[in-house]
PDB file of N, CA and C in Angstrom:
ATOM      1  N   MET A   1     -20.441  55.788  61.016  1.00  0.00           N
ATOM      2  CA  MET A   1     -20.437  57.103  61.630  1.00  0.00           C
ATOM      3  C   MET A   1     -19.875  56.975  63.041  1.00  0.00           C
ATOM      4  N   SER A   2     -18.856  57.776  63.387  1.00  0.00           N
ATOM      5  CA  SER A   2     -18.238  57.663  64.705  1.00  0.00           C
ATOM      6  C   SER A   2     -19.065  58.403  65.747  1.00  0.00           C
ATOM      7  N   ASN A   3     -18.808  58.085  66.986  1.00  0.00           N
ATOM      8  CA  ASN A   3     -19.541  58.703  68.078  1.00  0.00           C
ATOM      9  C   ASN A   3     -18.675  59.789  68.699  1.00  0.00           C
ATOM     10  N   SER A   4     -18.850  61.045  68.292  1.00  0.00           N
ATOM     11  CA  SER A   4     -18.032  62.158  68.755  1.00  0.00           C
ATOM     12  C   SER A   4     -18.175  62.413  70.236  1.00  0.00           C
ATOM     13  N   SER A   5     -19.330  62.098  70.790  1.00  0.00           N
ATOM     14  CA  SER A   5     -19.538  62.399  72.201  1.00  0.00           C
ATOM     15  C   SER A   5     -18.572  61.616  73.079  1.00  0.00           C
ATOM     16  N   LEU A   6     -18.056  60.502  72.593  1.00  0.00           N
ATOM     17  CA  LEU A   6     -17.078  59.747  73.364  1.00  0.00           C
ATOM     18  C   LEU A   6     -15.709  60.406  73.335  1.00  0.00           C
ATOM     19  N   LYS A   7     -15.508  61.348  72.424  1.00  0.00           N
ATOM     20  CA  LYS A   7     -14.230  62.030  72.287  1.00  0.00           C
ATOM     21  C   LYS A   7     -14.242  63.391  72.982  1.00  0.00           C
ATOM     22  N   ALA A   8     -15.243  63.640  73.794  1.00  0.00           N
ATOM     23  CA  ALA A   8     -15.371  64.945  74.433  1.00  0.00           C
ATOM     24  C   ALA A   8     -14.158  65.239  75.300  1.00  0.00           C
ATOM     25  N   PRO A   9     -13.794  66.510  75.415  1.00  0.00           N
ATOM     26  CA  PRO A   9     -12.646  66.879  76.241  1.00  0.00           C
ATOM     27  C   PRO A   9     -12.836  66.461  77.693  1.00  0.00           C
ATOM     28  N   ILE A  10     -11.734  66.254  78.360  1.00  0.00           N
ATOM     29  CA  ILE A  10     -11.730  65.902  79.779  1.00  0.00           C
ATOM     30  C   ILE A  10     -12.393  67.033  80.559  1.00  0.00           C
ATOM     31  N   GLU A  11     -13.193  66.697  81.545  1.00  0.00           N
ATOM     32  CA  GLU A  11     -13.921  67.714  82.299  1.00  0.00           C
ATOM     33  C   GLU A  11     -13.021  68.516  83.233  1.00  0.00           C
ATOM     34  N   SER A  12     -11.913  67.933  83.669  1.00  0.00           N
ATOM     35  CA  SER A  12     -11.029  68.638  84.592  1.00  0.00           C
ATOM     36  C   SER A  12     -10.426  69.859  83.915  1.00  0.00           C
ATOM     37  N   GLN A  13     -10.734  71.025  84.425  1.00  0.00           N
ATOM     38  CA  GLN A  13     -10.261  72.256  83.811  1.00  0.00           C
ATOM     39  C   GLN A  13      -8.757  72.415  83.956  1.00  0.00           C
ATOM     40  N   ASN A  14      -8.160  71.791  84.971  1.00  0.00           N
ATOM     41  CA  ASN A  14      -6.725  71.901  85.150  1.00  0.00           C
ATOM     42  C   ASN A  14      -5.968  71.067  84.126  1.00  0.00           C
ATOM     43  N   GLU A  15      -6.591  70.050  83.589  1.00  0.00           N
ATOM     44  CA  GLU A  15      -5.925  69.148  82.657  1.00  0.00           C
ATOM     45  C   GLU A  15      -6.251  69.460  81.203  1.00  0.00           C
ATOM     46  N   THR A  16      -7.199  70.322  80.971  1.00  0.00           N
ATOM     47  CA  THR A  16      -7.671  70.563  79.615  1.00  0.00           C
ATOM     48  C   THR A  16      -7.390  72.002  79.227  1.00  0.00           C
ATOM     49  N   ASP A  17      -6.879  72.200  78.042  1.00  0.00           N
ATOM     50  CA  ASP A  17      -6.722  73.578  77.583  1.00  0.00           C
ATOM     51  C   ASP A  17      -7.686  73.848  76.430  1.00  0.00           C
ATOM     52  N   ILE A  18      -7.754  75.089  76.061  1.00  0.00           N
ATOM     53  CA  ILE A  18      -8.748  75.510  75.074  1.00  0.00           C
ATOM     54  C   ILE A  18      -8.566  74.802  73.734  1.00  0.00           C
ATOM     55  N   ALA A  19      -7.343  74.434  73.402  1.00  0.00           N
ATOM     56  CA  ALA A  19      -7.092  73.756  72.122  1.00  0.00           C
ATOM     57  C   ALA A  19      -7.858  72.444  72.030  1.00  0.00           C
ATOM     58  N   GLU A  20      -7.982  71.733  73.135  1.00  0.00           N
ATOM     59  CA  GLU A  20      -8.726  70.477  73.121  1.00  0.00           C
ATOM     60  C   GLU A  20     -10.198  70.712  72.803  1.00  0.00           C
ATOM     61  N   TYR A  21     -10.750  71.790  73.322  1.00  0.00           N
ATOM     62  CA  TYR A  21     -12.145  72.114  73.029  1.00  0.00           C
ATOM     63  C   TYR A  21     -12.319  72.442  71.546  1.00  0.00           C
ATOM     64  N   PHE A  22     -11.410  73.254  71.006  1.00  0.00           N
ATOM     65  CA  PHE A  22     -11.505  73.598  69.588  1.00  0.00           C
ATOM     66  C   PHE A  22     -11.264  72.376  68.704  1.00  0.00           C
ATOM     67  N   ASN A  23     -10.346  71.510  69.105  1.00  0.00           N
ATOM     68  CA  ASN A  23     -10.114  70.280  68.337  1.00  0.00           C
ATOM     69  C   ASN A  23     -11.366  69.406  68.325  1.00  0.00           C
ATOM     70  N   HIS A  24     -12.055  69.358  69.448  1.00  0.00           N
ATOM     71  CA  HIS A  24     -13.292  68.577  69.530  1.00  0.00           C
ATOM     72  C   HIS A  24     -14.344  69.145  68.567  1.00  0.00           C
ATOM     73  N   ILE A  25     -14.469  70.463  68.554  1.00  0.00           N
ATOM     74  CA  ILE A  25     -15.410  71.111  67.636  1.00  0.00           C
ATOM     75  C   ILE A  25     -15.018  70.808  66.188  1.00  0.00           C
ATOM     76  N   GLN A  26     -13.727  70.882  65.892  1.00  0.00           N
ATOM     77  CA  GLN A  26     -13.249  70.586  64.537  1.00  0.00           C
ATOM     78  C   GLN A  26     -13.573  69.150  64.131  1.00  0.00           C
ATOM     79  N   ARG A  27     -13.419  68.205  65.058  1.00  0.00           N
ATOM     80  CA  ARG A  27     -13.748  66.802  64.758  1.00  0.00           C
ATOM     81  C   ARG A  27     -15.218  66.669  64.378  1.00  0.00           C
ATOM     82  N   ILE A  28     -16.077  67.315  65.155  1.00  0.00           N
ATOM     83  CA  ILE A  28     -17.516  67.238  64.865  1.00  0.00           C
ATOM     84  C   ILE A  28     -17.820  67.883  63.514  1.00  0.00           C
ATOM     85  N   LEU A  29     -17.233  69.054  63.270  1.00  0.00           N
ATOM     86  CA  LEU A  29     -17.452  69.724  61.982  1.00  0.00           C
ATOM     87  C   LEU A  29     -16.998  68.842  60.820  1.00  0.00           C
ATOM     88  N   GLY A  30     -15.914  68.108  61.025  1.00  0.00           N
ATOM     89  CA  GLY A  30     -15.421  67.208  59.993  1.00  0.00           C
ATOM     90  C   GLY A  30     -16.340  66.026  59.743  1.00  0.00           C
ATOM     91  N   GLU A  31     -17.116  65.658  60.747  1.00  0.00           N
ATOM     92  CA  GLU A  31     -18.027  64.519  60.624  1.00  0.00           C
ATOM     93  C   GLU A  31     -19.380  64.906  60.016  1.00  0.00           C
ATOM     94  N   ILE A  32     -19.703  66.174  60.018  1.00  0.00           N
ATOM     95  CA  ILE A  32     -21.005  66.612  59.498  1.00  0.00           C
ATOM     96  C   ILE A  32     -21.209  66.212  58.028  1.00  0.00           C
ATOM     97  N   PRO A  33     -20.216  66.403  57.148  1.00  0.00           N
ATOM     98  CA  PRO A  33     -20.438  65.989  55.755  1.00  0.00           C
ATOM     99  C   PRO A  33     -20.650  64.479  55.596  1.00  0.00           C
ATOM    100  N   GLU A  34     -20.225  63.698  56.594  1.00  0.00           N
ATOM    101  CA  GLU A  34     -20.385  62.245  56.533  1.00  0.00           C
ATOM    102  C   GLU A  34     -21.787  61.783  56.943  1.00  0.00           C
ATOM    103  N   ALA A  35     -22.590  62.701  57.463  1.00  0.00           N
ATOM    104  CA  ALA A  35     -23.939  62.332  57.908  1.00  0.00           C
ATOM    105  C   ALA A  35     -24.739  61.794  56.724  1.00  0.00           C
ATOM    106  N   GLU A  36     -25.288  60.609  56.908  1.00  0.00           N
ATOM    107  CA  GLU A  36     -26.002  59.954  55.810  1.00  0.00           C
ATOM    108  C   GLU A  36     -27.503  60.227  55.826  1.00  0.00           C
ATOM    109  N   THR A  37     -28.031  60.554  56.985  1.00  0.00           N
ATOM    110  CA  THR A  37     -29.469  60.808  57.092  1.00  0.00           C
ATOM    111  C   THR A  37     -29.691  62.120  57.831  1.00  0.00           C
ATOM    112  N   ARG A  38     -30.914  62.582  57.791  1.00  0.00           N
ATOM    113  CA  ARG A  38     -31.242  63.796  58.554  1.00  0.00           C
ATOM    114  C   ARG A  38     -31.068  63.557  60.049  1.00  0.00           C
ATOM    115  N   ALA A  39     -31.358  62.352  60.486  1.00  0.00           N
ATOM    116  CA  ALA A  39     -31.183  62.021  61.906  1.00  0.00           C
ATOM    117  C   ALA A  39     -29.708  62.092  62.288  1.00  0.00           C
ATOM    118  N   ASP A  40     -28.832  61.582  61.410  1.00  0.00           N
ATOM    119  CA  ASP A  40     -27.389  61.674  61.660  1.00  0.00           C
ATOM    120  C   ASP A  40     -26.953  63.134  61.722  1.00  0.00           C
ATOM    121  N   LEU A  41     -27.459  63.924  60.794  1.00  0.00           N
ATOM    122  CA  LEU A  41     -27.126  65.344  60.763  1.00  0.00           C
ATOM    123  C   LEU A  41     -27.625  66.040  62.029  1.00  0.00           C
ATOM    124  N   ALA A  42     -28.833  65.719  62.442  1.00  0.00           N
ATOM    125  CA  ALA A  42     -29.386  66.311  63.667  1.00  0.00           C
ATOM    126  C   ALA A  42     -28.536  65.942  64.875  1.00  0.00           C
ATOM    127  N   THR A  43     -28.066  64.705  64.910  1.00  0.00           N
ATOM    128  CA  THR A  43     -27.206  64.265  66.012  1.00  0.00           C
ATOM    129  C   THR A  43     -25.912  65.065  66.024  1.00  0.00           C
ATOM    130  N   LYS A  44     -25.309  65.252  64.862  1.00  0.00           N
ATOM    131  CA  LYS A  44     -24.054  66.011  64.764  1.00  0.00           C
ATOM    132  C   LYS A  44     -24.262  67.466  65.165  1.00  0.00           C
ATOM    133  N   VAL A  45     -25.370  68.046  64.736  1.00  0.00           N
ATOM    134  CA  VAL A  45     -25.657  69.437  65.096  1.00  0.00           C
ATOM    135  C   VAL A  45     -25.850  69.552  66.608  1.00  0.00           C
ATOM    136  N   THR A  46     -26.511  68.578  67.206  1.00  0.00           N
ATOM    137  CA  THR A  46     -26.695  68.568  68.659  1.00  0.00           C
ATOM    138  C   THR A  46     -25.350  68.440  69.363  1.00  0.00           C
ATOM    139  N   GLU A  47     -24.494  67.551  68.866  1.00  0.00           N
ATOM    140  CA  GLU A  47     -23.160  67.384  69.447  1.00  0.00           C
ATOM    141  C   GLU A  47     -22.343  68.665  69.300  1.00  0.00           C
ATOM    142  N   LEU A  48     -22.457  69.309  68.142  1.00  0.00           N
ATOM    143  CA  LEU A  48     -21.740  70.558  67.906  1.00  0.00           C
ATOM    144  C   LEU A  48     -22.213  71.641  68.864  1.00  0.00           C
ATOM    145  N   SER A  49     -23.505  71.738  69.047  1.00  0.00           N
ATOM    146  CA  SER A  49     -24.066  72.721  69.971  1.00  0.00           C
ATOM    147  C   SER A  49     -23.558  72.484  71.392  1.00  0.00           C
ATOM    148  N   ALA A  50     -23.542  71.226  71.812  1.00  0.00           N
ATOM    149  CA  ALA A  50     -23.051  70.891  73.155  1.00  0.00           C
ATOM    150  C   ALA A  50     -21.567  71.222  73.288  1.00  0.00           C
ATOM    151  N   ALA A  51     -20.795  70.957  72.250  1.00  0.00           N
ATOM    152  CA  ALA A  51     -19.360  71.246  72.284  1.00  0.00           C
ATOM    153  C   ALA A  51     -19.107  72.749  72.362  1.00  0.00           C
ATOM    154  N   ILE A  52     -19.885  73.520  71.627  1.00  0.00           N
ATOM    155  CA  ILE A  52     -19.742  74.980  71.666  1.00  0.00           C
ATOM    156  C   ILE A  52     -20.121  75.506  73.045  1.00  0.00           C
ATOM    157  N   THR A  53     -21.186  74.978  73.616  1.00  0.00           N
ATOM    158  CA  THR A  53     -21.600  75.386  74.966  1.00  0.00           C
ATOM    159  C   THR A  53     -20.517  75.052  75.984  1.00  0.00           C
ATOM    160  N   ALA A  54     -19.944  73.861  75.888  1.00  0.00           N
ATOM    161  CA  ALA A  54     -18.870  73.461  76.805  1.00  0.00           C
ATOM    162  C   ALA A  54     -17.661  74.379  76.654  1.00  0.00           C
ATOM    163  N   THR A  55     -17.352  74.762  75.424  1.00  0.00           N
ATOM    164  CA  THR A  55     -16.221  75.660  75.177  1.00  0.00           C
ATOM    165  C   THR A  55     -16.488  77.029  75.785  1.00  0.00           C
ATOM    166  N   ARG A  56     -17.691  77.524  75.599  1.00  0.00           N
ATOM    167  CA  ARG A  56     -18.050  78.825  76.195  1.00  0.00           C
ATOM    168  C   ARG A  56     -17.937  78.775  77.716  1.00  0.00           C
ATOM    169  N   PHE A  57     -18.425  77.701  78.311  1.00  0.00           N
ATOM    170  CA  PHE A  57     -18.352  77.562  79.764  1.00  0.00           C
ATOM    171  C   PHE A  57     -16.896  77.512  80.220  1.00  0.00           C
ATOM    172  N   PHE A  58     -16.065  76.751  79.512  1.00  0.00           N
ATOM    173  CA  PHE A  58     -14.647  76.649  79.855  1.00  0.00           C
ATOM    174  C   PHE A  58     -13.985  78.024  79.811  1.00  0.00           C
ATOM    175  N   VAL A  59     -14.233  78.770  78.735  1.00  0.00           N
ATOM    176  CA  VAL A  59     -13.637  80.095  78.587  1.00  0.00           C
ATOM    177  C   VAL A  59     -14.141  81.030  79.690  1.00  0.00           C
ATOM    178  N   ALA A  60     -15.431  80.998  79.976  1.00  0.00           N
ATOM    179  CA  ALA A  60     -15.989  81.851  81.036  1.00  0.00           C
ATOM    180  C   ALA A  60     -15.361  81.524  82.380  1.00  0.00           C
ATOM    181  N   THR A  61     -15.156  80.244  82.641  1.00  0.00           N
ATOM    182  CA  THR A  61     -14.534  79.829  83.899  1.00  0.00           C
ATOM    183  C   THR A  61     -13.103  80.338  83.981  1.00  0.00           C
ATOM    184  N   LYS A  62     -12.373  80.240  82.887  1.00  0.00           N
ATOM    185  CA  LYS A  62     -10.990  80.731  82.871  1.00  0.00           C
ATOM    186  C   LYS A  62     -10.956  82.241  83.083  1.00  0.00           C
ATOM    187  N   ILE A  63     -11.906  82.954  82.501  1.00  0.00           N
ATOM    188  CA  ILE A  63     -11.967  84.405  82.696  1.00  0.00           C
ATOM    189  C   ILE A  63     -12.245  84.718  84.161  1.00  0.00           C
ATOM    190  N   GLU A  64     -13.183  83.999  84.770  1.00  0.00           N
ATOM    191  CA  GLU A  64     -13.473  84.205  86.190  1.00  0.00           C
ATOM    192  C   GLU A  64     -12.243  83.910  87.042  1.00  0.00           C
ATOM    193  N   ASP A  65     -11.525  82.839  86.709  1.00  0.00           N
ATOM    194  CA  ASP A  65     -10.298  82.504  87.440  1.00  0.00           C
ATOM    195  C   ASP A  65      -9.272  83.626  87.311  1.00  0.00           C
ATOM    196  N   TYR A  66      -9.129  84.151  86.105  1.00  0.00           N
ATOM    197  CA  TYR A  66      -8.193  85.239  85.863  1.00  0.00           C
ATOM    198  C   TYR A  66      -8.586  86.477  86.671  1.00  0.00           C
ATOM    199  N   MET A  67      -9.872  86.800  86.673  1.00  0.00           N
ATOM    200  CA  MET A  67     -10.332  87.980  87.403  1.00  0.00           C
ATOM    201  C   MET A  67     -10.069  87.825  88.901  1.00  0.00           C
ATOM    202  N   GLU A  68     -10.312  86.637  89.435  1.00  0.00           N
ATOM    203  CA  GLU A  68     -10.056  86.387  90.853  1.00  0.00           C
ATOM    204  C   GLU A  68      -8.562  86.494  91.154  1.00  0.00           C
ATOM    205  N   LEU A  69      -7.743  85.919  90.305  1.00  0.00           N
ATOM    206  CA  LEU A  69      -6.296  86.001  90.488  1.00  0.00           C
ATOM    207  C   LEU A  69      -5.831  87.446  90.403  1.00  0.00           C
ATOM    208  N   ASN A  70      -6.385  88.196  89.473  1.00  0.00           N
ATOM    209  CA  ASN A  70      -6.024  89.600  89.324  1.00  0.00           C
ATOM    210  C   ASN A  70      -6.376  90.393  90.587  1.00  0.00           C
ATOM    211  N   LYS A  71      -7.547  90.125  91.166  1.00  0.00           N
ATOM    212  CA  LYS A  71      -7.939  90.793  92.414  1.00  0.00           C
ATOM    213  C   LYS A  71      -6.940  90.488  93.521  1.00  0.00           C
ATOM    214  N   ARG A  72      -6.553  89.223  93.618  1.00  0.00           N
ATOM    215  CA  ARG A  72      -5.601  88.823  94.656  1.00  0.00           C
ATOM    216  C   ARG A  72      -4.243  89.487  94.445  1.00  0.00           C
ATOM    217  N   LEU A  73      -3.819  89.589  93.196  1.00  0.00           N
ATOM    218  CA  LEU A  73      -2.541  90.231  92.900  1.00  0.00           C
ATOM    219  C   LEU A  73      -2.583  91.724  93.217  1.00  0.00           C
ATOM    220  N   ILE A  74      -3.698  92.365  92.942  1.00  0.00           N
ATOM    221  CA  ILE A  74      -3.845  93.792  93.258  1.00  0.00           C
ATOM    222  C   ILE A  74      -3.762  94.001  94.764  1.00  0.00           C
ATOM    223  N   LYS A  75      -4.441  93.142  95.534  1.00  0.00           N
ATOM    224  CA  LYS A  75      -4.374  93.245  96.996  1.00  0.00           C
ATOM    225  C   LYS A  75      -2.947  93.050  97.488  1.00  0.00           C
ATOM    226  N   LEU A  76      -2.256  92.073  96.925  1.00  0.00           N
ATOM    227  CA  LEU A  76      -0.876  91.809  97.317  1.00  0.00           C
ATOM    228  C   LEU A  76       0.020  92.986  96.961  1.00  0.00           C
ATOM    229  N   GLU A  77      -0.192  93.558  95.802  1.00  0.00           N
ATOM    230  CA  GLU A  77       0.585  94.716  95.365  1.00  0.00           C
ATOM    231  C   GLU A  77       0.374  95.897  96.312  1.00  0.00           C
ATOM    232  N   LYS A  78      -0.864  96.134  96.716  1.00  0.00           N
ATOM    233  CA  LYS A  78      -1.160  97.217  97.655  1.00  0.00           C
ATOM    234  C   LYS A  78      -0.489  96.961  98.998  1.00  0.00           C
ATOM    235  N   LYS A  79      -0.522  95.717  99.445  1.00  0.00           N
ATOM    236  CA  LYS A  79       0.102  95.356 100.719  1.00  0.00           C
ATOM    237  C   LYS A  79       1.611  95.593 100.657  1.00  0.00           C
ATOM    238  N   ILE A  80       2.226  95.226  99.560  1.00  0.00           N
ATOM    239  CA  ILE A  80       3.670  95.428  99.397  1.00  0.00           C
ATOM    240  C   ILE A  80       3.995  96.913  99.376  1.00  0.00           C
ATOM    241  N   LYS A  81       3.186  97.703  98.691  1.00  0.00           N
ATOM    242  CA  LYS A  81       3.411  99.149  98.639  1.00  0.00           C
ATOM    243  C   LYS A  81       3.299  99.759 100.031  1.00  0.00           C
ATOM    244  N   ARG A  82       2.289  99.322 100.806  1.00  0.00           N
ATOM    245  CA  ARG A  82       2.119  99.841 102.167  1.00  0.00           C
ATOM    246  C   ARG A  82       3.325  99.497 103.029  1.00  0.00           C
ATOM    247  N   GLN A  83       3.835  98.296 102.884  1.00  0.00           N
ATOM    248  CA  GLN A  83       4.982  97.880 103.687  1.00  0.00           C
ATOM    249  C   GLN A  83       6.244  98.631 103.281  1.00  0.00           C
ATOM    250  N   SER A  84       6.394  98.938 102.016  1.00  0.00           N
ATOM    251  CA  SER A  84       7.597  99.644 101.566  1.00  0.00           C
ATOM    252  C   SER A  84       7.552 101.116 101.952  1.00  0.00           C
ATOM    253  N   ILE A  85       6.353 101.660 102.169  1.00  0.00           N
ATOM    254  CA  ILE A  85       6.214 103.055 102.590  1.00  0.00           C
ATOM    255  C   ILE A  85       6.646 103.202 104.043  1.00  0.00           C
ATOM    256  N   ARG A  86       6.400 102.206 104.844  1.00  0.00           N
ATOM    257  CA  ARG A  86       6.721 102.275 106.277  1.00  0.00           C
ATOM    258  C   ARG A  86       8.169 102.292 106.529  1.00  0.00           C
TER     259      ARG A  86
END
């Protein structure tokens, strides 16, 4: 039985994209049928839960980044409009 936790996506959000998180989840899902004992299955379910939580956090962070960038772009757009009116 392989150790999926060693294959976890890189923590750096700038270097990791969402596909890596989904690939990690897919790897764990692929290993679940290989679980030989209930303990192995419990370990895989725990790893899957952690991977899903990490994916949710990554997506939430990207959404927050997008919202912040959008706010900055709106401010810049307003500033440009004010300057063009003058």
